[in-house]
Amino acid sequence: HQGLDKAAAKQKAIEMLRKVGIPSPEKRVDEYP
């Protein structure tokens, strides 16, 4: 929907996880449900 490249999209995903209070978002972003 926003047309970001993969690196920028991952950075935003990490920021969103941080916003909702998930600890260590840089690590958690690569984990499975």
PDB file of all heavy atoms in Angstrom:
ATOM      1  N   HIS A   1       0.789  -1.225   0.000  1.00  0.00           N
ATOM      2  CA  HIS A   1       0.000   0.000   0.000  1.00  0.00           C
ATOM      3  C   HIS A   1       0.825   1.280   0.000  1.00  0.00           C
ATOM      4  O   HIS A   1       0.357   2.324  -0.439  1.00  0.00           O
ATOM      5  CB  HIS A   1      -0.951   0.011   1.203  1.00  0.00           C
ATOM      6  CG  HIS A   1      -1.987  -1.068   1.156  1.00  0.00           C
ATOM      7  ND1 HIS A   1      -2.909  -1.189   0.149  1.00  0.00           N
ATOM      8  CD2 HIS A   1      -2.238  -2.104   2.015  1.00  0.00           C
ATOM      9  CE1 HIS A   1      -3.702  -2.225   0.378  1.00  0.00           C
ATOM     10  NE2 HIS A   1      -3.309  -2.793   1.496  1.00  0.00           N
ATOM     11  N   GLN A   2       2.075   1.213   0.524  1.00  0.00           N
ATOM     12  CA  GLN A   2       2.864   2.441   0.644  1.00  0.00           C
ATOM     13  C   GLN A   2       4.048   2.492  -0.312  1.00  0.00           C
ATOM     14  O   GLN A   2       4.724   3.515  -0.401  1.00  0.00           O
ATOM     15  CB  GLN A   2       3.337   2.621   2.085  1.00  0.00           C
ATOM     16  CG  GLN A   2       2.184   2.785   3.071  1.00  0.00           C
ATOM     17  CD  GLN A   2       2.629   3.275   4.434  1.00  0.00           C
ATOM     18  OE1 GLN A   2       3.756   3.028   4.846  1.00  0.00           O
ATOM     19  NE2 GLN A   2       1.755   3.972   5.127  1.00  0.00           N
ATOM     20  N   GLY A   3       4.321   1.375  -0.992  1.00  0.00           N
ATOM     21  CA  GLY A   3       5.354   1.373  -2.024  1.00  0.00           C
ATOM     22  C   GLY A   3       6.776   1.479  -1.498  1.00  0.00           C
ATOM     23  O   GLY A   3       7.684   1.869  -2.244  1.00  0.00           O
ATOM     24  N   LEU A   4       7.020   1.143  -0.234  1.00  0.00           N
ATOM     25  CA  LEU A   4       8.379   1.204   0.305  1.00  0.00           C
ATOM     26  C   LEU A   4       9.175  -0.022  -0.134  1.00  0.00           C
ATOM     27  O   LEU A   4       8.618  -1.094  -0.387  1.00  0.00           O
ATOM     28  CB  LEU A   4       8.332   1.258   1.840  1.00  0.00           C
ATOM     29  CG  LEU A   4       7.617   2.446   2.486  1.00  0.00           C
ATOM     30  CD1 LEU A   4       7.714   2.352   3.997  1.00  0.00           C
ATOM     31  CD2 LEU A   4       8.193   3.765   1.996  1.00  0.00           C
ATOM     32  N   ASP A   5      10.505   0.141  -0.226  1.00  0.00           N
ATOM     33  CA  ASP A   5      11.325  -1.033  -0.541  1.00  0.00           C
ATOM     34  C   ASP A   5      11.445  -1.914   0.704  1.00  0.00           C
ATOM     35  O   ASP A   5      10.994  -1.546   1.800  1.00  0.00           O
ATOM     36  CB  ASP A   5      12.697  -0.614  -1.083  1.00  0.00           C
ATOM     37  CG  ASP A   5      13.517   0.197  -0.077  1.00  0.00           C
ATOM     38  OD1 ASP A   5      13.348   0.002   1.144  1.00  0.00           O
ATOM     39  OD2 ASP A   5      14.326   1.047  -0.505  1.00  0.00           O
ATOM     40  N   LYS A   6      12.081  -3.063   0.532  1.00  0.00           N
ATOM     41  CA  LYS A   6      12.115  -4.068   1.604  1.00  0.00           C
ATOM     42  C   LYS A   6      12.812  -3.542   2.862  1.00  0.00           C
ATOM     43  O   LYS A   6      12.325  -3.758   3.985  1.00  0.00           O
ATOM     44  CB  LYS A   6      12.816  -5.330   1.100  1.00  0.00           C
ATOM     45  CG  LYS A   6      12.696  -6.506   2.049  1.00  0.00           C
ATOM     46  CD  LYS A   6      13.248  -7.772   1.420  1.00  0.00           C
ATOM     47  CE  LYS A   6      13.082  -8.966   2.380  1.00  0.00           C
ATOM     48  NZ  LYS A   6      13.600 -10.220   1.773  1.00  0.00           N
ATOM     49  N   ALA A   7      13.919  -2.856   2.683  1.00  0.00           N
ATOM     50  CA  ALA A   7      14.679  -2.356   3.843  1.00  0.00           C
ATOM     51  C   ALA A   7      13.871  -1.315   4.620  1.00  0.00           C
ATOM     52  O   ALA A   7      13.808  -1.357   5.859  1.00  0.00           O
ATOM     53  CB  ALA A   7      16.008  -1.768   3.384  1.00  0.00           C
ATOM     54  N   ALA A   8      13.247  -0.384   3.882  1.00  0.00           N
ATOM     55  CA  ALA A   8      12.450   0.658   4.545  1.00  0.00           C
ATOM     56  C   ALA A   8      11.216   0.067   5.211  1.00  0.00           C
ATOM     57  O   ALA A   8      10.815   0.488   6.299  1.00  0.00           O
ATOM     58  CB  ALA A   8      12.048   1.724   3.518  1.00  0.00           C
ATOM     59  N   ALA A   9      10.603  -0.929   4.543  1.00  0.00           N
ATOM     60  CA  ALA A   9       9.416  -1.577   5.107  1.00  0.00           C
ATOM     61  C   ALA A   9       9.763  -2.323   6.391  1.00  0.00           C
ATOM     62  O   ALA A   9       8.998  -2.307   7.354  1.00  0.00           O
ATOM     63  CB  ALA A   9       8.806  -2.537   4.083  1.00  0.00           C
ATOM     64  N   LYS A  10      10.931  -2.968   6.408  1.00  0.00           N
ATOM     65  CA  LYS A  10      11.342  -3.689   7.629  1.00  0.00           C
ATOM     66  C   LYS A  10      11.605  -2.717   8.760  1.00  0.00           C
ATOM     67  O   LYS A  10      11.242  -2.973   9.918  1.00  0.00           O
ATOM     68  CB  LYS A  10      12.583  -4.532   7.352  1.00  0.00           C
ATOM     69  CG  LYS A  10      12.982  -5.385   8.559  1.00  0.00           C
ATOM     70  CD  LYS A  10      14.036  -6.412   8.223  1.00  0.00           C
ATOM     71  CE  LYS A  10      14.315  -7.314   9.426  1.00  0.00           C
ATOM     72  NZ  LYS A  10      15.313  -8.365   9.100  1.00  0.00           N
ATOM     73  N   GLN A  11      12.217  -1.576   8.451  1.00  0.00           N
ATOM     74  CA  GLN A  11      12.473  -0.572   9.472  1.00  0.00           C
ATOM     75  C   GLN A  11      11.167  -0.067  10.071  1.00  0.00           C
ATOM     76  O   GLN A  11      11.045   0.112  11.282  1.00  0.00           O
ATOM     77  CB  GLN A  11      13.232   0.583   8.830  1.00  0.00           C
ATOM     78  CG  GLN A  11      14.437   1.173   9.555  1.00  0.00           C
ATOM     79  CD  GLN A  11      15.079   0.348  10.634  1.00  0.00           C
ATOM     80  OE1 GLN A  11      15.754  -0.650  10.354  1.00  0.00           O
ATOM     81  NE2 GLN A  11      14.908   0.749  11.876  1.00  0.00           N
ATOM     82  N   LYS A  12      10.164   0.127   9.203  1.00  0.00           N
ATOM     83  CA  LYS A  12       8.864   0.595   9.693  1.00  0.00           C
ATOM     84  C   LYS A  12       8.186  -0.493  10.518  1.00  0.00           C
ATOM     85  O   LYS A  12       7.531  -0.197  11.524  1.00  0.00           O
ATOM     86  CB  LYS A  12       7.966   1.017   8.536  1.00  0.00           C
ATOM     87  CG  LYS A  12       6.634   1.583   9.016  1.00  0.00           C
ATOM     88  CD  LYS A  12       5.928   2.443   8.000  1.00  0.00           C
ATOM     89  CE  LYS A  12       4.700   3.102   8.635  1.00  0.00           C
ATOM     90  NZ  LYS A  12       3.962   3.961   7.706  1.00  0.00           N
ATOM     91  N   ALA A  13       8.333  -1.759  10.113  1.00  0.00           N
ATOM     92  CA  ALA A  13       7.754  -2.868  10.869  1.00  0.00           C
ATOM     93  C   ALA A  13       8.347  -2.920  12.275  1.00  0.00           C
ATOM     94  O   ALA A  13       7.631  -3.132  13.267  1.00  0.00           O
ATOM     95  CB  ALA A  13       7.991  -4.190  10.136  1.00  0.00           C
ATOM     96  N   ILE A  14       9.662  -2.708  12.368  1.00  0.00           N
ATOM     97  CA  ILE A  14      10.327  -2.695  13.681  1.00  0.00           C
ATOM     98  C   ILE A  14       9.780  -1.549  14.531  1.00  0.00           C
ATOM     99  O   ILE A  14       9.500  -1.715  15.724  1.00  0.00           O
ATOM    100  CB  ILE A  14      11.858  -2.559  13.499  1.00  0.00           C
ATOM    101  CG1 ILE A  14      12.425  -3.848  12.881  1.00  0.00           C
ATOM    102  CG2 ILE A  14      12.535  -2.262  14.838  1.00  0.00           C
ATOM    103  CD1 ILE A  14      13.870  -3.723  12.442  1.00  0.00           C
ATOM    104  N   GLU A  15       9.610  -0.383  13.911  1.00  0.00           N
ATOM    105  CA  GLU A  15       9.101   0.783  14.633  1.00  0.00           C
ATOM    106  C   GLU A  15       7.677   0.542  15.126  1.00  0.00           C
ATOM    107  O   GLU A  15       7.318   0.933  16.248  1.00  0.00           O
ATOM    108  CB  GLU A  15       9.144   2.012  13.726  1.00  0.00           C
ATOM    109  CG  GLU A  15       8.656   3.294  14.389  1.00  0.00           C
ATOM    110  CD  GLU A  15       9.427   3.640  15.662  1.00  0.00           C
ATOM    111  OE1 GLU A  15      10.640   3.328  15.749  1.00  0.00           O
ATOM    112  OE2 GLU A  15       8.816   4.214  16.582  1.00  0.00           O
ATOM    113  N   MET A  16       6.849  -0.131  14.301  1.00  0.00           N
ATOM    114  CA  MET A  16       5.468  -0.417  14.706  1.00  0.00           C
ATOM    115  C   MET A  16       5.437  -1.397  15.873  1.00  0.00           C
ATOM    116  O   MET A  16       4.636  -1.250  16.802  1.00  0.00           O
ATOM    117  CB  MET A  16       4.662  -0.967  13.529  1.00  0.00           C
ATOM    118  CG  MET A  16       4.389   0.042  12.411  1.00  0.00           C
ATOM    119  SD  MET A  16       3.692   1.608  12.995  1.00  0.00           S
ATOM    120  CE  MET A  16       2.198   1.037  13.808  1.00  0.00           C
ATOM    121  N   LEU A  17       6.312  -2.399  15.857  1.00  0.00           N
ATOM    122  CA  LEU A  17       6.382  -3.343  16.978  1.00  0.00           C
ATOM    123  C   LEU A  17       6.819  -2.625  18.255  1.00  0.00           C
ATOM    124  O   LEU A  17       6.316  -2.917  19.343  1.00  0.00           O
ATOM    125  CB  LEU A  17       7.343  -4.488  16.654  1.00  0.00           C
ATOM    126  CG  LEU A  17       6.896  -5.461  15.563  1.00  0.00           C
ATOM    127  CD1 LEU A  17       7.980  -6.493  15.283  1.00  0.00           C
ATOM    128  CD2 LEU A  17       5.598  -6.168  15.962  1.00  0.00           C
ATOM    129  N   ARG A  18       7.728  -1.683  18.109  1.00  0.00           N
ATOM    130  CA  ARG A  18       8.159  -0.896  19.274  1.00  0.00           C
ATOM    131  C   ARG A  18       6.998  -0.058  19.810  1.00  0.00           C
ATOM    132  O   ARG A  18       6.794   0.045  21.022  1.00  0.00           O
ATOM    133  CB  ARG A  18       9.335   0.003  18.888  1.00  0.00           C
ATOM    134  CG  ARG A  18       9.879   0.818  20.070  1.00  0.00           C
ATOM    135  CD  ARG A  18      11.065   1.660  19.672  1.00  0.00           C
ATOM    136  NE  ARG A  18      12.250   0.832  19.424  1.00  0.00           N
ATOM    137  CZ  ARG A  18      12.810   0.657  18.227  1.00  0.00           C
ATOM    138  NH1 ARG A  18      12.291   1.258  17.163  1.00  0.00           N
ATOM    139  NH2 ARG A  18      13.869  -0.102  18.083  1.00  0.00           N
ATOM    140  N   LYS A  19       6.199   0.523  18.895  1.00  0.00           N
ATOM    141  CA  LYS A  19       5.083   1.370  19.299  1.00  0.00           C
ATOM    142  C   LYS A  19       4.032   0.611  20.101  1.00  0.00           C
ATOM    143  O   LYS A  19       3.403   1.176  21.002  1.00  0.00           O
ATOM    144  CB  LYS A  19       4.414   1.981  18.056  1.00  0.00           C
ATOM    145  CG  LYS A  19       5.033   3.283  17.591  1.00  0.00           C
ATOM    146  CD  LYS A  19       4.159   3.934  16.531  1.00  0.00           C
ATOM    147  CE  LYS A  19       4.682   5.314  16.190  1.00  0.00           C
ATOM    148  NZ  LYS A  19       3.796   5.998  15.222  1.00  0.00           N
ATOM    149  N   VAL A  20       3.821  -0.657  19.762  1.00  0.00           N
ATOM    150  CA  VAL A  20       2.800  -1.426  20.482  1.00  0.00           C
ATOM    151  C   VAL A  20       3.370  -2.151  21.702  1.00  0.00           C
ATOM    152  O   VAL A  20       2.712  -3.000  22.304  1.00  0.00           O
ATOM    153  CB  VAL A  20       2.079  -2.439  19.554  1.00  0.00           C
ATOM    154  CG1 VAL A  20       1.325  -1.715  18.463  1.00  0.00           C
ATOM    155  CG2 VAL A  20       3.046  -3.458  18.958  1.00  0.00           C
ATOM    156  N   GLY A  21       4.609  -1.822  22.064  1.00  0.00           N
ATOM    157  CA  GLY A  21       5.152  -2.302  23.328  1.00  0.00           C
ATOM    158  C   GLY A  21       5.784  -3.667  23.295  1.00  0.00           C
ATOM    159  O   GLY A  21       5.917  -4.315  24.343  1.00  0.00           O
ATOM    160  N   ILE A  22       6.209  -4.145  22.126  1.00  0.00           N
ATOM    161  CA  ILE A  22       6.887  -5.442  22.052  1.00  0.00           C
ATOM    162  C   ILE A  22       8.380  -5.232  22.302  1.00  0.00           C
ATOM    163  O   ILE A  22       9.026  -4.448  21.600  1.00  0.00           O
ATOM    164  CB  ILE A  22       6.643  -6.117  20.684  1.00  0.00           C
ATOM    165  CG1 ILE A  22       5.183  -6.552  20.599  1.00  0.00           C
ATOM    166  CG2 ILE A  22       7.579  -7.302  20.471  1.00  0.00           C
ATOM    167  CD1 ILE A  22       4.800  -7.249  19.325  1.00  0.00           C
ATOM    168  N   PRO A  23       8.951  -5.906  23.311  1.00  0.00           N
ATOM    169  CA  PRO A  23      10.368  -5.708  23.630  1.00  0.00           C
ATOM    170  C   PRO A  23      11.276  -6.287  22.548  1.00  0.00           C
ATOM    171  O   PRO A  23      10.898  -7.213  21.836  1.00  0.00           O
ATOM    172  CB  PRO A  23      10.527  -6.460  24.958  1.00  0.00           C
ATOM    173  CG  PRO A  23       9.435  -7.478  24.958  1.00  0.00           C
ATOM    174  CD  PRO A  23       8.305  -6.866  24.214  1.00  0.00           C
ATOM    175  N   SER A  24      12.474  -5.724  22.435  1.00  0.00           N
ATOM    176  CA  SER A  24      13.482  -6.168  21.455  1.00  0.00           C
ATOM    177  C   SER A  24      12.883  -6.347  20.063  1.00  0.00           C
ATOM    178  O   SER A  24      12.968  -7.422  19.457  1.00  0.00           O
ATOM    179  CB  SER A  24      14.122  -7.493  21.909  1.00  0.00           C
ATOM    180  OG  SER A  24      14.645  -7.394  23.203  1.00  0.00           O
ATOM    181  N   PRO A  25      12.259  -5.296  19.504  1.00  0.00           N
ATOM    182  CA  PRO A  25      11.586  -5.448  18.211  1.00  0.00           C
ATOM    183  C   PRO A  25      12.527  -5.821  17.075  1.00  0.00           C
ATOM    184  O   PRO A  25      12.124  -6.488  16.128  1.00  0.00           O
ATOM    185  CB  PRO A  25      10.946  -4.070  17.984  1.00  0.00           C
ATOM    186  CG  PRO A  25      11.735  -3.122  18.825  1.00  0.00           C
ATOM    187  CD  PRO A  25      12.163  -3.916  20.019  1.00  0.00           C
ATOM    188  N   GLU A  26      13.814  -5.408  17.158  1.00  0.00           N
ATOM    189  CA  GLU A  26      14.778  -5.763  16.112  1.00  0.00           C
ATOM    190  C   GLU A  26      14.963  -7.275  16.013  1.00  0.00           C
ATOM    191  O   GLU A  26      15.202  -7.809  14.918  1.00  0.00           O
ATOM    192  CB  GLU A  26      16.136  -5.108  16.383  1.00  0.00           C
ATOM    193  CG  GLU A  26      16.123  -3.583  16.328  1.00  0.00           C
ATOM    194  CD  GLU A  26      15.705  -2.945  17.653  1.00  0.00           C
ATOM    195  OE1 GLU A  26      15.393  -3.701  18.608  1.00  0.00           O
ATOM    196  OE2 GLU A  26      15.694  -1.708  17.728  1.00  0.00           O
ATOM    197  N   LYS A  27      14.829  -7.959  17.139  1.00  0.00           N
ATOM    198  CA  LYS A  27      14.933  -9.427  17.142  1.00  0.00           C
ATOM    199  C   LYS A  27      13.575 -10.063  16.838  1.00  0.00           C
ATOM    200  O   LYS A  27      13.477 -11.011  16.047  1.00  0.00           O
ATOM    201  CB  LYS A  27      15.437  -9.881  18.516  1.00  0.00           C
ATOM    202  CG  LYS A  27      15.455 -11.391  18.688  1.00  0.00           C
ATOM    203  CD  LYS A  27      15.762 -11.756  20.139  1.00  0.00           C
ATOM    204  CE  LYS A  27      15.587 -13.260  20.353  1.00  0.00           C
ATOM    205  NZ  LYS A  27      15.707 -13.634  21.772  1.00  0.00           N
ATOM    206  N   ARG A  28      12.541  -9.549  17.456  1.00  0.00           N
ATOM    207  CA  ARG A  28      11.208 -10.150  17.334  1.00  0.00           C
ATOM    208  C   ARG A  28      10.650 -10.069  15.912  1.00  0.00           C
ATOM    209  O   ARG A  28       9.819 -10.879  15.522  1.00  0.00           O
ATOM    210  CB  ARG A  28      10.237  -9.461  18.295  1.00  0.00           C
ATOM    211  CG  ARG A  28      10.535  -9.708  19.763  1.00  0.00           C
ATOM    212  CD  ARG A  28      10.206 -11.122  20.148  1.00  0.00           C
ATOM    213  NE  ARG A  28      10.236 -11.327  21.585  1.00  0.00           N
ATOM    214  CZ  ARG A  28       9.881 -12.452  22.190  1.00  0.00           C
ATOM    215  NH1 ARG A  28       9.450 -13.466  21.468  1.00  0.00           N
ATOM    216  NH2 ARG A  28       9.953 -12.569  23.492  1.00  0.00           N
ATOM    217  N   VAL A  29      11.101  -9.086  15.146  1.00  0.00           N
ATOM    218  CA  VAL A  29      10.568  -8.910  13.795  1.00  0.00           C
ATOM    219  C   VAL A  29      10.847 -10.132  12.917  1.00  0.00           C
ATOM    220  O   VAL A  29      10.120 -10.402  11.951  1.00  0.00           O
ATOM    221  CB  VAL A  29      11.156  -7.624  13.164  1.00  0.00           C
ATOM    222  CG1 VAL A  29      12.597  -7.826  12.730  1.00  0.00           C
ATOM    223  CG2 VAL A  29      10.293  -7.158  11.996  1.00  0.00           C
ATOM    224  N   ASP A  30      11.875 -10.910  13.252  1.00  0.00           N
ATOM    225  CA  ASP A  30      12.233 -12.094  12.461  1.00  0.00           C
ATOM    226  C   ASP A  30      11.709 -13.387  13.071  1.00  0.00           C
ATOM    227  O   ASP A  30      12.079 -14.486  12.611  1.00  0.00           O
ATOM    228  CB  ASP A  30      13.758 -12.175  12.303  1.00  0.00           C
ATOM    229  CG  ASP A  30      14.313 -11.032  11.463  1.00  0.00           C
ATOM    230  OD1 ASP A  30      13.668 -10.681  10.451  1.00  0.00           O
ATOM    231  OD2 ASP A  30      15.371 -10.476  11.836  1.00  0.00           O
ATOM    232  N   GLU A  31      10.872 -13.291  14.096  1.00  0.00           N
ATOM    233  CA  GLU A  31      10.320 -14.495  14.720  1.00  0.00           C
ATOM    234  C   GLU A  31       8.943 -14.822  14.150  1.00  0.00           C
ATOM    235  O   GLU A  31       8.294 -13.991  13.510  1.00  0.00           O
ATOM    236  CB  GLU A  31      10.251 -14.311  16.236  1.00  0.00           C
ATOM    237  CG  GLU A  31      11.627 -14.220  16.884  1.00  0.00           C
ATOM    238  CD  GLU A  31      11.575 -14.127  18.392  1.00  0.00           C
ATOM    239  OE1 GLU A  31      10.482 -13.868  18.938  1.00  0.00           O
ATOM    240  OE2 GLU A  31      12.632 -14.303  19.032  1.00  0.00           O
ATOM    241  N   TYR A  32       8.505 -16.057  14.417  1.00  0.00           N
ATOM    242  CA  TYR A  32       7.236 -16.555  13.883  1.00  0.00           C
ATOM    243  C   TYR A  32       6.136 -16.439  14.935  1.00  0.00           C
ATOM    244  O   TYR A  32       6.424 -16.335  16.138  1.00  0.00           O
ATOM    245  CB  TYR A  32       7.395 -18.014  13.440  1.00  0.00           C
ATOM    246  CG  TYR A  32       8.275 -18.164  12.221  1.00  0.00           C
ATOM    247  CD1 TYR A  32       9.663 -18.285  12.350  1.00  0.00           C
ATOM    248  CD2 TYR A  32       7.730 -18.155  10.939  1.00  0.00           C
ATOM    249  CE1 TYR A  32      10.481 -18.404  11.235  1.00  0.00           C
ATOM    250  CE2 TYR A  32       8.535 -18.277   9.814  1.00  0.00           C
ATOM    251  CZ  TYR A  32       9.912 -18.391   9.970  1.00  0.00           C
ATOM    252  OH  TYR A  32      10.701 -18.496   8.862  1.00  0.00           O
ATOM    253  N   PRO A  33       4.870 -16.461  14.507  1.00  0.00           N
ATOM    254  CA  PRO A  33       3.765 -16.300  15.468  1.00  0.00           C
ATOM    255  C   PRO A  33       3.815 -17.264  16.650  1.00  0.00           C
ATOM    256  O   PRO A  33       3.482 -16.869  17.770  1.00  0.00           O
ATOM    257  CB  PRO A  33       2.523 -16.545  14.600  1.00  0.00           C
ATOM    258  CG  PRO A  33       2.929 -16.084  13.240  1.00  0.00           C
ATOM    259  CD  PRO A  33       4.376 -16.468  13.110  1.00  0.00           C
TER     260      PRO A  33
END
